[in-house]
Amino acid sequence: MLGNAFADAGYDVATFEVVPADRADAPALHVEFPDPTDYDVIVPLGARWPVYDEKLKSTWVGAQTKLVLDAAAAGIPTLGVCFGGQLLAQAFGARVSRSDLPEIGWYDVESDQPELIPPGPWFEWHFDRFTLPPGATEIARTASAVQAFALGRAVGLQFHPELDPGLLELWLDDDRDAGEAGLLGVSHDDLRTRTAELHDDAGRRIRALVNGFLTYTARQPCPSS
């Protein structure tokens, strides 16, 4: 749904896979990322590994950190989602660590700027959390974690606005025997039911979020100007 929301806003969407599926058990590989200045917007998405893993920081996480810092220096709007939000937070000097209160499922998110981050239930699937980067503005939160921040032309999210029933099924396939969800007392059937109930509403709010992000970042001064 995230790609569709950007397409509806007039953008051509290109995707870049960082870790192929056949490297899921050995993800520490070297990756050559594209030049961020070739794009109008950068959207780092989720991943199943910790952003602070030292082997990954010495390989592709380190390279992707440089990408988002180069994007920030060039004034390229960047929207980080879950792992992508943690990547932005860590790149900008915040601490990312294991959370005492992980979140899986639909959670009510409180927003200080509803025109940028619409409040309401958003989907969460994370065991790590980030602190607020120096100079950043906290925009949204749950009781357990910062859920959104803005710094310059970058916005970092902890939640997953892109979640739809098809994507959920892919994640549930990876969550063998309800291992991760089961740790929090959440069943796969409960996640399916709640996602079906909230899908249409989340689809409307994700378009508001993307339009709010584009409007907000366009108003921020470009560092190179």
C-alpha atoms as a PDB file:
ATOM      1  CA  MET A   1       0.000   0.000   0.000  1.00  0.00           C
ATOM      2  CA  LEU A   2       2.920   2.346   0.576  1.00  0.00           C
ATOM      3  CA  GLY A   3       4.082   2.109  -3.027  1.00  0.00           C
ATOM      4  CA  ASN A   4       0.521   2.659  -4.239  1.00  0.00           C
ATOM      5  CA  ALA A   5       0.216   5.764  -2.078  1.00  0.00           C
ATOM      6  CA  PHE A   6       3.379   7.257  -3.599  1.00  0.00           C
ATOM      7  CA  ALA A   7       2.201   6.289  -7.097  1.00  0.00           C
ATOM      8  CA  ASP A   8      -1.110   8.016  -6.429  1.00  0.00           C
ATOM      9  CA  ALA A   9       0.894  11.106  -5.448  1.00  0.00           C
ATOM     10  CA  GLY A  10       2.551  11.086  -8.884  1.00  0.00           C
ATOM     11  CA  TYR A  11       5.780   9.180  -8.227  1.00  0.00           C
ATOM     12  CA  ASP A  12       7.343   6.354 -10.192  1.00  0.00           C
ATOM     13  CA  VAL A  13       8.298   3.661  -7.674  1.00  0.00           C
ATOM     14  CA  ALA A  14      11.511   1.625  -7.954  1.00  0.00           C
ATOM     15  CA  THR A  15      12.409  -1.094  -5.432  1.00  0.00           C
ATOM     16  CA  PHE A  16      15.855  -2.250  -4.333  1.00  0.00           C
ATOM     17  CA  GLU A  17      16.252  -5.584  -2.537  1.00  0.00           C
ATOM     18  CA  VAL A  18      19.084  -5.491  -0.028  1.00  0.00           C
ATOM     19  CA  VAL A  19      19.240  -9.083   1.284  1.00  0.00           C
ATOM     20  CA  PRO A  20      17.958 -11.810  -1.070  1.00  0.00           C
ATOM     21  CA  ALA A  21      15.734 -14.477   0.448  1.00  0.00           C
ATOM     22  CA  ASP A  22      18.416 -17.138   0.013  1.00  0.00           C
ATOM     23  CA  ARG A  23      20.747 -15.100   2.264  1.00  0.00           C
ATOM     24  CA  ALA A  24      18.256 -14.743   5.126  1.00  0.00           C
ATOM     25  CA  ASP A  25      20.361 -16.992   7.372  1.00  0.00           C
ATOM     26  CA  ALA A  26      23.623 -15.273   6.395  1.00  0.00           C
ATOM     27  CA  PRO A  27      22.682 -11.632   5.823  1.00  0.00           C
ATOM     28  CA  ALA A  28      26.113 -10.032   6.322  1.00  0.00           C
ATOM     29  CA  LEU A  29      26.897  -9.291   2.692  1.00  0.00           C
ATOM     30  CA  HIS A  30      28.364  -6.313   0.915  1.00  0.00           C
ATOM     31  CA  VAL A  31      25.835  -4.282  -1.052  1.00  0.00           C
ATOM     32  CA  GLU A  32      26.382  -1.497  -3.578  1.00  0.00           C
ATOM     33  CA  PHE A  33      23.538   0.967  -3.054  1.00  0.00           C
ATOM     34  CA  PRO A  34      22.372   3.414  -5.730  1.00  0.00           C
ATOM     35  CA  ASP A  35      23.155   7.112  -5.513  1.00  0.00           C
ATOM     36  CA  PRO A  36      20.366   8.677  -3.411  1.00  0.00           C
ATOM     37  CA  THR A  37      20.582  11.909  -5.403  1.00  0.00           C
ATOM     38  CA  ASP A  38      19.171  10.014  -8.399  1.00  0.00           C
ATOM     39  CA  TYR A  39      15.834   9.876  -6.543  1.00  0.00           C
ATOM     40  CA  ASP A  40      13.266  12.379  -5.329  1.00  0.00           C
ATOM     41  CA  VAL A  41      12.387  10.358  -2.210  1.00  0.00           C
ATOM     42  CA  ILE A  42      14.103   7.470  -0.358  1.00  0.00           C
ATOM     43  CA  VAL A  43      12.037   4.963   1.671  1.00  0.00           C
ATOM     44  CA  PRO A  44      14.109   2.427   3.679  1.00  0.00           C
ATOM     45  CA  LEU A  45      11.779  -0.395   4.723  1.00  0.00           C
ATOM     46  CA  GLY A  46      11.726  -3.206   7.260  1.00  0.00           C
ATOM     47  CA  ALA A  47      14.131  -6.061   7.919  1.00  0.00           C
ATOM     48  CA  ARG A  48      14.237  -9.013  10.272  1.00  0.00           C
ATOM     49  CA  TRP A  49      17.690  -8.274  11.715  1.00  0.00           C
ATOM     50  CA  PRO A  50      18.818  -5.751  14.358  1.00  0.00           C
ATOM     51  CA  VAL A  51      20.141  -2.518  12.926  1.00  0.00           C
ATOM     52  CA  TYR A  52      22.865  -2.541  15.613  1.00  0.00           C
ATOM     53  CA  ASP A  53      24.289  -5.974  14.682  1.00  0.00           C
ATOM     54  CA  GLU A  54      28.040  -5.409  14.355  1.00  0.00           C
ATOM     55  CA  LYS A  55      28.501  -7.735  11.354  1.00  0.00           C
ATOM     56  CA  LEU A  56      25.735  -5.924   9.513  1.00  0.00           C
ATOM     57  CA  LYS A  57      27.049  -2.494  10.494  1.00  0.00           C
ATOM     58  CA  SER A  58      30.373  -3.481   8.928  1.00  0.00           C
ATOM     59  CA  THR A  59      28.621  -4.515   5.696  1.00  0.00           C
ATOM     60  CA  TRP A  60      25.301  -3.359   4.229  1.00  0.00           C
ATOM     61  CA  VAL A  61      23.881  -1.548   7.260  1.00  0.00           C
ATOM     62  CA  GLY A  62      26.980   0.621   7.238  1.00  0.00           C
ATOM     63  CA  ALA A  63      26.540   1.258   3.517  1.00  0.00           C
ATOM     64  CA  GLN A  64      22.850   2.027   3.920  1.00  0.00           C
ATOM     65  CA  THR A  65      23.653   4.371   6.800  1.00  0.00           C
ATOM     66  CA  LYS A  66      25.905   6.303   4.433  1.00  0.00           C
ATOM     67  CA  LEU A  67      23.080   6.366   1.895  1.00  0.00           C
ATOM     68  CA  VAL A  68      20.609   7.986   4.294  1.00  0.00           C
ATOM     69  CA  LEU A  69      23.210  10.441   5.569  1.00  0.00           C
ATOM     70  CA  ASP A  70      24.081  11.394   1.987  1.00  0.00           C
ATOM     71  CA  ALA A  71      20.363  11.789   1.277  1.00  0.00           C
ATOM     72  CA  ALA A  72      19.993  14.056   4.322  1.00  0.00           C
ATOM     73  CA  ALA A  73      22.980  16.162   3.271  1.00  0.00           C
ATOM     74  CA  ALA A  74      21.489  16.550  -0.202  1.00  0.00           C
ATOM     75  CA  GLY A  75      18.018  17.388   1.103  1.00  0.00           C
ATOM     76  CA  ILE A  76      16.399  14.232  -0.311  1.00  0.00           C
ATOM     77  CA  PRO A  77      13.204  13.490   1.670  1.00  0.00           C
ATOM     78  CA  THR A  78      13.527  10.137   3.438  1.00  0.00           C
ATOM     79  CA  LEU A  79      10.791   8.086   5.096  1.00  0.00           C
ATOM     80  CA  GLY A  80      12.114   5.226   7.241  1.00  0.00           C
ATOM     81  CA  VAL A  81       9.702   2.406   8.129  1.00  0.00           C
ATOM     82  CA  CYS A  82      10.304   0.175  11.193  1.00  0.00           C
ATOM     83  CA  PHE A  83      13.866  -1.088  10.569  1.00  0.00           C
ATOM     84  CA  GLY A  84      14.182   1.888   8.215  1.00  0.00           C
ATOM     85  CA  GLY A  85      13.115   4.211  11.025  1.00  0.00           C
ATOM     86  CA  GLN A  86      15.625   2.574  13.344  1.00  0.00           C
ATOM     87  CA  LEU A  87      18.294   2.975  10.647  1.00  0.00           C
ATOM     88  CA  LEU A  88      17.557   6.703  10.435  1.00  0.00           C
ATOM     89  CA  ALA A  89      17.555   7.059  14.208  1.00  0.00           C
ATOM     90  CA  GLN A  90      20.900   5.266  14.556  1.00  0.00           C
ATOM     91  CA  ALA A  91      22.420   7.205  11.651  1.00  0.00           C
ATOM     92  CA  PHE A  92      21.416  10.484  13.329  1.00  0.00           C
ATOM     93  CA  GLY A  93      22.978   9.547  16.669  1.00  0.00           C
ATOM     94  CA  ALA A  94      20.162   7.841  18.572  1.00  0.00           C
ATOM     95  CA  ARG A  95      20.371   4.523  20.399  1.00  0.00           C
ATOM     96  CA  VAL A  96      18.589   1.459  19.040  1.00  0.00           C
ATOM     97  CA  SER A  97      18.281  -1.492  21.408  1.00  0.00           C
ATOM     98  CA  ARG A  98      16.159  -4.443  22.423  1.00  0.00           C
ATOM     99  CA  SER A  99      12.833  -3.330  23.846  1.00  0.00           C
ATOM    100  CA  ASP A 100      11.472  -4.535  27.170  1.00  0.00           C
ATOM    101  CA  LEU A 101       7.995  -4.165  25.637  1.00  0.00           C
ATOM    102  CA  PRO A 102       7.995  -5.429  22.028  1.00  0.00           C
ATOM    103  CA  GLU A 103       4.867  -4.885  19.952  1.00  0.00           C
ATOM    104  CA  ILE A 104       3.111  -7.220  17.493  1.00  0.00           C
ATOM    105  CA  GLY A 105      -0.359  -6.354  16.236  1.00  0.00           C
ATOM    106  CA  TRP A 106      -2.505  -3.251  15.868  1.00  0.00           C
ATOM    107  CA  TYR A 107      -1.790  -0.492  18.396  1.00  0.00           C
ATOM    108  CA  ASP A 108      -3.307   2.920  18.937  1.00  0.00           C
ATOM    109  CA  VAL A 109      -0.705   5.563  18.060  1.00  0.00           C
ATOM    110  CA  GLU A 110      -0.941   9.038  19.600  1.00  0.00           C
ATOM    111  CA  SER A 111       0.148  11.825  17.235  1.00  0.00           C
ATOM    112  CA  ASP A 112       1.070  15.445  17.929  1.00  0.00           C
ATOM    113  CA  GLN A 113       0.855  16.299  14.213  1.00  0.00           C
ATOM    114  CA  PRO A 114      -2.113  14.425  12.731  1.00  0.00           C
ATOM    115  CA  GLU A 115      -1.603  16.162   9.404  1.00  0.00           C
ATOM    116  CA  LEU A 116       1.742  14.353   9.163  1.00  0.00           C
ATOM    117  CA  ILE A 117       1.142  11.152  11.151  1.00  0.00           C
ATOM    118  CA  PRO A 118      -2.577  10.340  11.281  1.00  0.00           C
ATOM    119  CA  PRO A 119      -3.439   8.845  14.670  1.00  0.00           C
ATOM    120  CA  GLY A 120      -5.269   5.587  15.097  1.00  0.00           C
ATOM    121  CA  PRO A 121      -4.406   1.915  15.004  1.00  0.00           C
ATOM    122  CA  TRP A 122      -1.219   1.124  13.078  1.00  0.00           C
ATOM    123  CA  PHE A 123       0.407  -2.268  12.705  1.00  0.00           C
ATOM    124  CA  GLU A 124       3.522  -3.086  14.730  1.00  0.00           C
ATOM    125  CA  TRP A 125       5.990  -5.973  14.523  1.00  0.00           C
ATOM    126  CA  HIS A 126       9.209  -5.102  16.306  1.00  0.00           C
ATOM    127  CA  PHE A 127      11.392  -6.259  19.167  1.00  0.00           C
ATOM    128  CA  ASP A 128      13.756  -3.254  19.078  1.00  0.00           C
ATOM    129  CA  ARG A 129      13.097   0.421  19.744  1.00  0.00           C
ATOM    130  CA  PHE A 130      14.938   3.705  19.193  1.00  0.00           C
ATOM    131  CA  THR A 131      15.541   6.760  21.303  1.00  0.00           C
ATOM    132  CA  LEU A 132      15.009  10.224  19.850  1.00  0.00           C
ATOM    133  CA  PRO A 133      17.961  11.458  17.755  1.00  0.00           C
ATOM    134  CA  PRO A 134      19.574  14.724  18.914  1.00  0.00           C
ATOM    135  CA  GLY A 135      17.679  17.677  17.441  1.00  0.00           C
ATOM    136  CA  ALA A 136      14.744  15.558  16.276  1.00  0.00           C
ATOM    137  CA  THR A 137      11.091  16.222  17.073  1.00  0.00           C
ATOM    138  CA  GLU A 138       9.020  13.365  18.465  1.00  0.00           C
ATOM    139  CA  ILE A 139       5.724  13.259  16.593  1.00  0.00           C
ATOM    140  CA  ALA A 140       3.960  10.056  17.652  1.00  0.00           C
ATOM    141  CA  ARG A 141       4.165   7.353  20.295  1.00  0.00           C
ATOM    142  CA  THR A 142       2.589   4.381  21.999  1.00  0.00           C
ATOM    143  CA  ALA A 143       3.006   3.596  25.677  1.00  0.00           C
ATOM    144  CA  SER A 144       5.960   1.377  24.764  1.00  0.00           C
ATOM    145  CA  ALA A 145       7.962   3.291  22.169  1.00  0.00           C
ATOM    146  CA  VAL A 146       8.530   6.405  20.099  1.00  0.00           C
ATOM    147  CA  GLN A 147       6.568   5.768  16.910  1.00  0.00           C
ATOM    148  CA  ALA A 148       7.589   8.702  14.710  1.00  0.00           C
ATOM    149  CA  PHE A 149      10.139  11.512  14.634  1.00  0.00           C
ATOM    150  CA  ALA A 150      11.175  14.202  12.188  1.00  0.00           C
ATOM    151  CA  LEU A 151      14.635  15.633  11.632  1.00  0.00           C
ATOM    152  CA  GLY A 152      15.175  17.938   8.675  1.00  0.00           C
ATOM    153  CA  ARG A 153      13.681  16.252   5.626  1.00  0.00           C
ATOM    154  CA  ALA A 154      13.702  12.799   7.224  1.00  0.00           C
ATOM    155  CA  VAL A 155      10.820  11.131   9.044  1.00  0.00           C
ATOM    156  CA  GLY A 156      11.319   7.864  10.908  1.00  0.00           C
ATOM    157  CA  LEU A 157       8.460   5.499  11.757  1.00  0.00           C
ATOM    158  CA  GLN A 158       8.456   2.530  14.129  1.00  0.00           C
ATOM    159  CA  PHE A 159       5.134   1.145  12.889  1.00  0.00           C
ATOM    160  CA  HIS A 160       4.270  -0.496   9.553  1.00  0.00           C
ATOM    161  CA  PRO A 161       1.788   1.620   7.551  1.00  0.00           C
ATOM    162  CA  GLU A 162       2.233  -0.675   4.524  1.00  0.00           C
ATOM    163  CA  LEU A 163       0.716  -3.787   6.133  1.00  0.00           C
ATOM    164  CA  ASP A 164      -2.158  -5.390   4.186  1.00  0.00           C
ATOM    165  CA  PRO A 165      -3.610  -8.935   4.348  1.00  0.00           C
ATOM    166  CA  GLY A 166      -1.312 -10.271   1.618  1.00  0.00           C
ATOM    167  CA  LEU A 167       1.831  -8.918   3.240  1.00  0.00           C
ATOM    168  CA  LEU A 168       0.675 -10.192   6.621  1.00  0.00           C
ATOM    169  CA  GLU A 169       0.472 -13.731   5.244  1.00  0.00           C
ATOM    170  CA  LEU A 170       4.093 -13.543   4.089  1.00  0.00           C
ATOM    171  CA  TRP A 171       5.171 -12.465   7.561  1.00  0.00           C
ATOM    172  CA  LEU A 172       3.096 -15.165   9.225  1.00  0.00           C
ATOM    173  CA  ASP A 173       4.730 -17.763   6.966  1.00  0.00           C
ATOM    174  CA  ASP A 174       8.085 -16.599   8.306  1.00  0.00           C
ATOM    175  CA  ASP A 175       6.809 -16.694  11.899  1.00  0.00           C
ATOM    176  CA  ARG A 176       6.953 -20.481  12.106  1.00  0.00           C
ATOM    177  CA  ASP A 177       4.675 -22.073  14.715  1.00  0.00           C
ATOM    178  CA  ALA A 178       3.624 -18.550  15.769  1.00  0.00           C
ATOM    179  CA  GLY A 179       6.996 -18.234  17.490  1.00  0.00           C
ATOM    180  CA  GLU A 180       7.391 -14.470  17.735  1.00  0.00           C
ATOM    181  CA  ALA A 181       3.701 -13.629  17.961  1.00  0.00           C
ATOM    182  CA  GLY A 182       3.171 -16.403  20.479  1.00  0.00           C
ATOM    183  CA  LEU A 183       5.770 -14.875  22.793  1.00  0.00           C
ATOM    184  CA  LEU A 184       3.418 -11.913  23.189  1.00  0.00           C
ATOM    185  CA  GLY A 185       0.288 -14.028  23.445  1.00  0.00           C
ATOM    186  CA  VAL A 186      -0.896 -13.034  19.965  1.00  0.00           C
ATOM    187  CA  SER A 187      -2.339 -15.650  17.617  1.00  0.00           C
ATOM    188  CA  HIS A 188      -2.026 -15.597  13.842  1.00  0.00           C
ATOM    189  CA  ASP A 189      -5.806 -15.798  13.521  1.00  0.00           C
ATOM    190  CA  ASP A 190      -6.227 -12.737  15.742  1.00  0.00           C
ATOM    191  CA  LEU A 191      -3.789 -10.806  13.527  1.00  0.00           C
ATOM    192  CA  ARG A 192      -5.673 -11.877  10.400  1.00  0.00           C
ATOM    193  CA  THR A 193      -9.034 -10.868  11.847  1.00  0.00           C
ATOM    194  CA  ARG A 194      -7.892  -7.478  13.068  1.00  0.00           C
ATOM    195  CA  THR A 195      -6.065  -6.749   9.792  1.00  0.00           C
ATOM    196  CA  ALA A 196      -9.188  -7.560   7.771  1.00  0.00           C
ATOM    197  CA  GLU A 197     -11.191  -5.202   9.994  1.00  0.00           C
ATOM    198  CA  LEU A 198      -8.743  -2.285   9.731  1.00  0.00           C
ATOM    199  CA  HIS A 199      -7.384  -2.707   6.196  1.00  0.00           C
ATOM    200  CA  ASP A 200      -9.663  -0.199   4.442  1.00  0.00           C
ATOM    201  CA  ASP A 201      -9.235   2.453   7.135  1.00  0.00           C
ATOM    202  CA  ALA A 202      -5.443   1.984   7.141  1.00  0.00           C
ATOM    203  CA  GLY A 203      -5.462   2.352   3.362  1.00  0.00           C
ATOM    204  CA  ARG A 204      -7.066   5.780   3.666  1.00  0.00           C
ATOM    205  CA  ARG A 205      -4.715   6.859   6.433  1.00  0.00           C
ATOM    206  CA  ILE A 206      -1.573   5.723   4.610  1.00  0.00           C
ATOM    207  CA  ARG A 207      -2.433   8.063   1.737  1.00  0.00           C
ATOM    208  CA  ALA A 208      -2.877  10.890   4.243  1.00  0.00           C
ATOM    209  CA  LEU A 209       0.478   9.953   5.793  1.00  0.00           C
ATOM    210  CA  VAL A 210       2.325   9.973   2.452  1.00  0.00           C
ATOM    211  CA  ASN A 211       0.744  13.266   1.401  1.00  0.00           C
ATOM    212  CA  GLY A 212       1.527  14.719   4.830  1.00  0.00           C
ATOM    213  CA  PHE A 213       5.135  13.527   4.584  1.00  0.00           C
ATOM    214  CA  LEU A 214       5.578  15.053   1.126  1.00  0.00           C
ATOM    215  CA  THR A 215       4.030  18.354   2.227  1.00  0.00           C
ATOM    216  CA  TYR A 216       6.027  18.496   5.464  1.00  0.00           C
ATOM    217  CA  THR A 217       9.415  17.653   3.955  1.00  0.00           C
ATOM    218  CA  ALA A 218       8.926  20.079   1.045  1.00  0.00           C
ATOM    219  CA  ARG A 219       8.603  22.888   3.606  1.00  0.00           C
ATOM    220  CA  GLN A 220      11.877  22.081   5.347  1.00  0.00           C
ATOM    221  CA  PRO A 221      14.978  24.020   4.266  1.00  0.00           C
ATOM    222  CA  CYS A 222      17.427  22.154   2.088  1.00  0.00           C
ATOM    223  CA  PRO A 223      20.840  21.799   3.812  1.00  0.00           C
ATOM    224  CA  SER A 224      22.686  22.602   0.571  1.00  0.00           C
ATOM    225  CA  SER A 225      20.805  25.866  -0.034  1.00  0.00           C
END
